[in-house]
Amino acid sequence: MIRVLLAEDHGVVRGALTALLNLTGDIEVVAEADRGDKVVPRALACGPDVAVIDIEMPGVDGVEATRRLRPAVPDCRVLILTGLASAALLKRAMEAGASGFLLKDAPTERLAESIRRVSQGERVIDASLALAAMSATVTPLTEREVAVLGLVGSGASTGEIAAELHLSAATVRNYISSAITKTGARNRTDAVRIAAESGWIEGLRHP
């Protein structure tokens, strides 16, 4: 029997998945969590073989929950569920120690099979997610444009960015304008979104 910890903040979805997985005959949901920061305590209490974690969770997101879980319960493998086929998210999840990455709208049969494979030490990545990762392009942004967009994404103003990078406000605006043009974005916020989803801004979370 494969012991599973299911972390999903939507109660109806969590309940449905628990019921369906428990019907498989070889998978048992032994614990549930409705917040990302509850994953480690629940795992320590029940010792699951696999943790199925939604990418978008209150408290901490699925990637951070995975990063905390791996050293705390080394024998527990992680399968992350996401609603977005993003190469950047896939990269973050793998770096955090996830063994699998699956789209949330996948059939229950595929989820169950992915749990079985992950429990056996295999790495499971949804085909569309793998395609997104393979087709991810090299960044067209310069190192300075990446730094500026990263600070824009963290909520810094033009003046704050200028002070942080020891630039004039006019130079910062020029970098932002250039980044908007290169990414084909509508504005600076859109440029941050595109760069984050493409994995060009390291460390910037964008679900």
C-alpha atoms as a PDB file:
ATOM      1  CA  MET A   1       0.000   0.000   0.000  1.00  0.00           C
ATOM      2  CA  ILE A   2       1.373   3.425  -1.025  1.00  0.00           C
ATOM      3  CA  ARG A   3       0.818   5.956   1.778  1.00  0.00           C
ATOM      4  CA  VAL A   4      -0.022   9.416   0.439  1.00  0.00           C
ATOM      5  CA  LEU A   5      -0.143  12.895   1.970  1.00  0.00           C
ATOM      6  CA  LEU A   6      -2.491  15.103  -0.073  1.00  0.00           C
ATOM      7  CA  ALA A   7      -1.964  18.871   0.169  1.00  0.00           C
ATOM      8  CA  GLU A   8      -4.723  20.855  -1.567  1.00  0.00           C
ATOM      9  CA  ASP A   9      -6.371  24.005  -0.224  1.00  0.00           C
ATOM     10  CA  HIS A  10      -9.765  23.495  -1.887  1.00  0.00           C
ATOM     11  CA  GLY A  11     -11.750  21.185   0.377  1.00  0.00           C
ATOM     12  CA  VAL A  12     -14.072  19.826  -2.314  1.00  0.00           C
ATOM     13  CA  VAL A  13     -11.188  18.985  -4.645  1.00  0.00           C
ATOM     14  CA  ARG A  14      -9.178  17.464  -1.808  1.00  0.00           C
ATOM     15  CA  GLY A  15     -12.106  15.350  -0.695  1.00  0.00           C
ATOM     16  CA  ALA A  16     -12.826  14.093  -4.204  1.00  0.00           C
ATOM     17  CA  LEU A  17      -9.199  13.177  -4.856  1.00  0.00           C
ATOM     18  CA  THR A  18      -8.924  11.424  -1.503  1.00  0.00           C
ATOM     19  CA  ALA A  19     -12.019   9.345  -2.213  1.00  0.00           C
ATOM     20  CA  LEU A  20     -10.910   8.406  -5.722  1.00  0.00           C
ATOM     21  CA  LEU A  21      -7.345   7.520  -4.713  1.00  0.00           C
ATOM     22  CA  ASN A  22      -8.583   5.379  -1.829  1.00  0.00           C
ATOM     23  CA  LEU A  23     -10.596   3.362  -4.354  1.00  0.00           C
ATOM     24  CA  THR A  24      -7.501   2.273  -6.287  1.00  0.00           C
ATOM     25  CA  GLY A  25      -6.728  -0.589  -3.913  1.00  0.00           C
ATOM     26  CA  ASP A  26      -2.996   0.119  -3.624  1.00  0.00           C
ATOM     27  CA  ILE A  27      -3.005   3.804  -2.629  1.00  0.00           C
ATOM     28  CA  GLU A  28      -4.173   5.188   0.709  1.00  0.00           C
ATOM     29  CA  VAL A  29      -4.419   8.875   1.595  1.00  0.00           C
ATOM     30  CA  VAL A  30      -3.181   8.839   5.190  1.00  0.00           C
ATOM     31  CA  ALA A  31      -3.093  12.606   5.781  1.00  0.00           C
ATOM     32  CA  GLU A  32      -4.347  15.840   4.271  1.00  0.00           C
ATOM     33  CA  ALA A  33      -3.188  19.457   4.430  1.00  0.00           C
ATOM     34  CA  ASP A  34      -4.995  22.632   3.389  1.00  0.00           C
ATOM     35  CA  ARG A  35      -1.935  24.890   3.690  1.00  0.00           C
ATOM     36  CA  GLY A  36       1.605  24.623   2.413  1.00  0.00           C
ATOM     37  CA  ASP A  37       3.114  25.271   5.840  1.00  0.00           C
ATOM     38  CA  LYS A  38       1.234  22.263   7.251  1.00  0.00           C
ATOM     39  CA  VAL A  39       2.894  19.792   4.877  1.00  0.00           C
ATOM     40  CA  VAL A  40       6.024  19.092   6.920  1.00  0.00           C
ATOM     41  CA  PRO A  41       4.233  18.665  10.297  1.00  0.00           C
ATOM     42  CA  ARG A  42       1.683  16.307   8.726  1.00  0.00           C
ATOM     43  CA  ALA A  43       4.413  14.323   6.961  1.00  0.00           C
ATOM     44  CA  LEU A  44       6.437  13.997  10.156  1.00  0.00           C
ATOM     45  CA  ALA A  45       3.344  12.690  11.929  1.00  0.00           C
ATOM     46  CA  CYS A  46       2.310  10.042   9.382  1.00  0.00           C
ATOM     47  CA  GLY A  47       5.438   9.158   7.353  1.00  0.00           C
ATOM     48  CA  PRO A  48       3.945   9.089   3.826  1.00  0.00           C
ATOM     49  CA  ASP A  49       5.653   7.481   0.840  1.00  0.00           C
ATOM     50  CA  VAL A  50       4.480  10.215  -1.521  1.00  0.00           C
ATOM     51  CA  ALA A  51       3.273  13.786  -0.952  1.00  0.00           C
ATOM     52  CA  VAL A  52       0.941  15.131  -3.631  1.00  0.00           C
ATOM     53  CA  ILE A  53       1.145  18.917  -3.341  1.00  0.00           C
ATOM     54  CA  ASP A  54      -0.791  21.617  -5.180  1.00  0.00           C
ATOM     55  CA  ILE A  55       1.498  24.346  -6.513  1.00  0.00           C
ATOM     56  CA  GLU A  56      -0.770  27.158  -5.262  1.00  0.00           C
ATOM     57  CA  MET A  57      -1.248  26.920  -1.508  1.00  0.00           C
ATOM     58  CA  PRO A  58      -1.758  29.453   1.290  1.00  0.00           C
ATOM     59  CA  GLY A  59       0.996  29.722   3.869  1.00  0.00           C
ATOM     60  CA  VAL A  60       3.771  28.732   1.453  1.00  0.00           C
ATOM     61  CA  ASP A  61       3.420  27.543  -2.131  1.00  0.00           C
ATOM     62  CA  GLY A  62       3.941  23.980  -3.301  1.00  0.00           C
ATOM     63  CA  VAL A  63       7.536  24.543  -4.339  1.00  0.00           C
ATOM     64  CA  GLU A  64       8.544  25.967  -0.960  1.00  0.00           C
ATOM     65  CA  ALA A  65       6.628  23.188   0.806  1.00  0.00           C
ATOM     66  CA  THR A  66       8.623  20.683  -1.255  1.00  0.00           C
ATOM     67  CA  ARG A  67      11.894  22.413  -0.436  1.00  0.00           C
ATOM     68  CA  ARG A  68      11.107  22.140   3.288  1.00  0.00           C
ATOM     69  CA  LEU A  69       9.783  18.586   3.097  1.00  0.00           C
ATOM     70  CA  ARG A  70      12.692  16.893   1.329  1.00  0.00           C
ATOM     71  CA  PRO A  71      15.268  17.291   4.140  1.00  0.00           C
ATOM     72  CA  ALA A  72      12.649  16.830   6.868  1.00  0.00           C
ATOM     73  CA  VAL A  73      11.296  13.514   5.507  1.00  0.00           C
ATOM     74  CA  PRO A  74      13.909  12.271   2.992  1.00  0.00           C
ATOM     75  CA  ASP A  75      12.057   9.044   2.163  1.00  0.00           C
ATOM     76  CA  CYS A  76       8.930  10.913   1.067  1.00  0.00           C
ATOM     77  CA  ARG A  77       8.829  11.670  -2.644  1.00  0.00           C
ATOM     78  CA  VAL A  78       6.900  14.630  -4.009  1.00  0.00           C
ATOM     79  CA  LEU A  79       4.454  14.917  -6.900  1.00  0.00           C
ATOM     80  CA  ILE A  80       3.427  18.511  -7.602  1.00  0.00           C
ATOM     81  CA  LEU A  81       0.103  19.417  -9.225  1.00  0.00           C
ATOM     82  CA  THR A  82      -0.221  22.609 -11.265  1.00  0.00           C
ATOM     83  CA  GLY A  83      -2.809  24.281 -13.445  1.00  0.00           C
ATOM     84  CA  LEU A  84      -0.182  25.974 -15.632  1.00  0.00           C
ATOM     85  CA  ALA A  85       2.235  24.390 -18.108  1.00  0.00           C
ATOM     86  CA  SER A  86       5.207  26.599 -17.264  1.00  0.00           C
ATOM     87  CA  ALA A  87       8.857  25.796 -17.883  1.00  0.00           C
ATOM     88  CA  ALA A  88       9.830  28.196 -15.096  1.00  0.00           C
ATOM     89  CA  LEU A  89       7.593  26.410 -12.583  1.00  0.00           C
ATOM     90  CA  LEU A  90       8.904  23.027 -13.677  1.00  0.00           C
ATOM     91  CA  LYS A  91      12.473  24.199 -13.166  1.00  0.00           C
ATOM     92  CA  ARG A  92      11.695  25.550  -9.690  1.00  0.00           C
ATOM     93  CA  ALA A  93       9.923  22.355  -8.694  1.00  0.00           C
ATOM     94  CA  MET A  94      12.761  20.102  -9.833  1.00  0.00           C
ATOM     95  CA  GLU A  95      15.339  22.273  -8.080  1.00  0.00           C
ATOM     96  CA  ALA A  96      13.273  22.026  -4.878  1.00  0.00           C
ATOM     97  CA  GLY A  97      13.429  18.230  -5.038  1.00  0.00           C
ATOM     98  CA  ALA A  98      10.128  17.211  -6.625  1.00  0.00           C
ATOM     99  CA  SER A  99      10.062  13.820  -8.348  1.00  0.00           C
ATOM    100  CA  GLY A 100       7.006  14.560 -10.464  1.00  0.00           C
ATOM    101  CA  PHE A 101       5.062  17.428 -12.004  1.00  0.00           C
ATOM    102  CA  LEU A 102       1.512  16.850 -13.255  1.00  0.00           C
ATOM    103  CA  LEU A 103      -1.278  19.075 -14.580  1.00  0.00           C
ATOM    104  CA  LYS A 104      -4.259  19.303 -12.238  1.00  0.00           C
ATOM    105  CA  ASP A 105      -6.749  18.462 -14.978  1.00  0.00           C
ATOM    106  CA  ALA A 106      -5.108  15.084 -15.662  1.00  0.00           C
ATOM    107  CA  PRO A 107      -7.435  12.080 -15.227  1.00  0.00           C
ATOM    108  CA  THR A 108      -7.420  10.406 -11.813  1.00  0.00           C
ATOM    109  CA  GLU A 109      -6.017   7.262 -13.425  1.00  0.00           C
ATOM    110  CA  ARG A 110      -2.971   9.228 -14.571  1.00  0.00           C
ATOM    111  CA  LEU A 111      -2.554  10.747 -11.114  1.00  0.00           C
ATOM    112  CA  ALA A 112      -2.670   7.296  -9.531  1.00  0.00           C
ATOM    113  CA  GLU A 113      -0.177   5.901 -12.023  1.00  0.00           C
ATOM    114  CA  SER A 114       2.116   8.891 -11.438  1.00  0.00           C
ATOM    115  CA  ILE A 115       1.982   8.273  -7.680  1.00  0.00           C
ATOM    116  CA  ARG A 116       2.932   4.633  -8.249  1.00  0.00           C
ATOM    117  CA  ARG A 117       5.853   5.544 -10.489  1.00  0.00           C
ATOM    118  CA  VAL A 118       7.128   8.287  -8.183  1.00  0.00           C
ATOM    119  CA  SER A 119       6.961   5.901  -5.220  1.00  0.00           C
ATOM    120  CA  GLN A 120       9.222   3.527  -7.154  1.00  0.00           C
ATOM    121  CA  GLY A 121      11.847   6.225  -7.640  1.00  0.00           C
ATOM    122  CA  GLU A 122      10.906   7.294 -11.158  1.00  0.00           C
ATOM    123  CA  ARG A 123      10.653  10.895 -12.296  1.00  0.00           C
ATOM    124  CA  VAL A 124       7.277  11.773 -13.826  1.00  0.00           C
ATOM    125  CA  ILE A 125       6.696  14.926 -15.863  1.00  0.00           C
ATOM    126  CA  ASP A 126       3.485  15.698 -17.748  1.00  0.00           C
ATOM    127  CA  ALA A 127       4.110  15.639 -21.511  1.00  0.00           C
ATOM    128  CA  SER A 128       2.881  19.195 -22.058  1.00  0.00           C
ATOM    129  CA  LEU A 129       5.108  20.431 -19.241  1.00  0.00           C
ATOM    130  CA  ALA A 130       8.108  18.636 -20.706  1.00  0.00           C
ATOM    131  CA  LEU A 131       7.356  20.250 -24.072  1.00  0.00           C
ATOM    132  CA  ALA A 132       7.171  23.684 -22.445  1.00  0.00           C
ATOM    133  CA  ALA A 133      10.553  23.094 -20.819  1.00  0.00           C
ATOM    134  CA  MET A 134      12.169  21.934 -24.058  1.00  0.00           C
ATOM    135  CA  SER A 135      10.789  24.878 -26.009  1.00  0.00           C
ATOM    136  CA  ALA A 136      11.858  27.486 -23.452  1.00  0.00           C
ATOM    137  CA  THR A 137      13.941  30.100 -25.212  1.00  0.00           C
ATOM    138  CA  VAL A 138      17.217  31.701 -24.163  1.00  0.00           C
ATOM    139  CA  THR A 139      16.607  35.092 -22.597  1.00  0.00           C
ATOM    140  CA  PRO A 140      16.864  38.098 -24.938  1.00  0.00           C
ATOM    141  CA  LEU A 141      17.412  40.328 -21.911  1.00  0.00           C
ATOM    142  CA  THR A 142      20.746  41.678 -20.767  1.00  0.00           C
ATOM    143  CA  GLU A 143      21.978  41.048 -17.232  1.00  0.00           C
ATOM    144  CA  ARG A 144      21.089  44.608 -16.228  1.00  0.00           C
ATOM    145  CA  GLU A 145      17.590  44.357 -17.744  1.00  0.00           C
ATOM    146  CA  VAL A 146      17.038  41.140 -15.795  1.00  0.00           C
ATOM    147  CA  ALA A 147      18.142  42.862 -12.574  1.00  0.00           C
ATOM    148  CA  VAL A 148      15.830  45.816 -13.199  1.00  0.00           C
ATOM    149  CA  LEU A 149      12.818  43.615 -14.029  1.00  0.00           C
ATOM    150  CA  GLY A 150      13.497  41.508 -10.960  1.00  0.00           C
ATOM    151  CA  LEU A 151      13.283  44.599  -8.784  1.00  0.00           C
ATOM    152  CA  VAL A 152      10.166  45.793 -10.610  1.00  0.00           C
ATOM    153  CA  GLY A 153       8.630  42.414  -9.862  1.00  0.00           C
ATOM    154  CA  SER A 154       9.453  42.749  -6.166  1.00  0.00           C
ATOM    155  CA  GLY A 155       7.492  46.016  -6.074  1.00  0.00           C
ATOM    156  CA  ALA A 156      10.373  48.497  -6.089  1.00  0.00           C
ATOM    157  CA  SER A 157       9.789  51.969  -7.520  1.00  0.00           C
ATOM    158  CA  THR A 158      11.977  53.516 -10.215  1.00  0.00           C
ATOM    159  CA  GLY A 159      13.770  55.587  -7.578  1.00  0.00           C
ATOM    160  CA  GLU A 160      14.372  52.567  -5.368  1.00  0.00           C
ATOM    161  CA  ILE A 161      15.707  50.565  -8.306  1.00  0.00           C
ATOM    162  CA  ALA A 162      18.023  53.417  -9.242  1.00  0.00           C
ATOM    163  CA  ALA A 163      19.390  53.556  -5.701  1.00  0.00           C
ATOM    164  CA  GLU A 164      19.766  49.780  -5.446  1.00  0.00           C
ATOM    165  CA  LEU A 165      21.666  49.463  -8.753  1.00  0.00           C
ATOM    166  CA  HIS A 166      23.515  52.797  -8.507  1.00  0.00           C
ATOM    167  CA  LEU A 167      21.891  54.121 -11.683  1.00  0.00           C
ATOM    168  CA  SER A 168      20.020  57.285 -12.596  1.00  0.00           C
ATOM    169  CA  ALA A 169      16.216  57.119 -12.726  1.00  0.00           C
ATOM    170  CA  ALA A 170      16.376  57.896 -16.448  1.00  0.00           C
ATOM    171  CA  THR A 171      18.685  54.927 -17.048  1.00  0.00           C
ATOM    172  CA  VAL A 172      16.347  52.643 -15.134  1.00  0.00           C
ATOM    173  CA  ARG A 173      13.432  53.807 -17.276  1.00  0.00           C
ATOM    174  CA  ASN A 174      15.494  53.112 -20.392  1.00  0.00           C
ATOM    175  CA  TYR A 175      16.225  49.556 -19.220  1.00  0.00           C
ATOM    176  CA  ILE A 176      12.543  48.985 -18.493  1.00  0.00           C
ATOM    177  CA  SER A 177      11.552  50.351 -21.907  1.00  0.00           C
ATOM    178  CA  SER A 178      14.100  48.100 -23.601  1.00  0.00           C
ATOM    179  CA  ALA A 179      12.865  45.053 -21.672  1.00  0.00           C
ATOM    180  CA  ILE A 180       9.264  45.826 -22.643  1.00  0.00           C
ATOM    181  CA  THR A 181      10.266  45.973 -26.298  1.00  0.00           C
ATOM    182  CA  LYS A 182      12.314  42.751 -26.191  1.00  0.00           C
ATOM    183  CA  THR A 183       9.588  40.752 -24.444  1.00  0.00           C
ATOM    184  CA  GLY A 184       6.789  42.159 -26.598  1.00  0.00           C
ATOM    185  CA  ALA A 185       5.003  43.224 -23.435  1.00  0.00           C
ATOM    186  CA  ARG A 186       2.291  45.884 -23.050  1.00  0.00           C
ATOM    187  CA  ASN A 187       3.878  47.495 -20.007  1.00  0.00           C
ATOM    188  CA  ARG A 188       6.422  46.870 -17.242  1.00  0.00           C
ATOM    189  CA  THR A 189       4.093  44.587 -15.289  1.00  0.00           C
ATOM    190  CA  ASP A 190       3.472  42.484 -18.367  1.00  0.00           C
ATOM    191  CA  ALA A 191       7.219  42.354 -19.059  1.00  0.00           C
ATOM    192  CA  VAL A 192       7.828  40.989 -15.550  1.00  0.00           C
ATOM    193  CA  ARG A 193       5.109  38.368 -16.052  1.00  0.00           C
ATOM    194  CA  ILE A 194       6.528  37.210 -19.405  1.00  0.00           C
ATOM    195  CA  ALA A 195      10.103  37.100 -18.096  1.00  0.00           C
ATOM    196  CA  ALA A 196       9.059  35.209 -14.950  1.00  0.00           C
ATOM    197  CA  GLU A 197       6.977  32.647 -16.846  1.00  0.00           C
ATOM    198  CA  SER A 198       9.867  32.112 -19.258  1.00  0.00           C
ATOM    199  CA  GLY A 199      12.300  31.504 -16.414  1.00  0.00           C
ATOM    200  CA  TRP A 200      14.438  34.512 -17.273  1.00  0.00           C
ATOM    201  CA  ILE A 201      14.210  36.106 -13.827  1.00  0.00           C
ATOM    202  CA  GLU A 202      15.774  33.680 -11.349  1.00  0.00           C
ATOM    203  CA  GLY A 203      14.133  33.487  -7.952  1.00  0.00           C
ATOM    204  CA  LEU A 204      11.033  35.470  -8.935  1.00  0.00           C
ATOM    205  CA  ARG A 205       7.919  33.447  -8.241  1.00  0.00           C
ATOM    206  CA  HIS A 206       5.113  33.598 -10.737  1.00  0.00           C
ATOM    207  CA  PRO A 207       2.401  30.959 -10.544  1.00  0.00           C
END
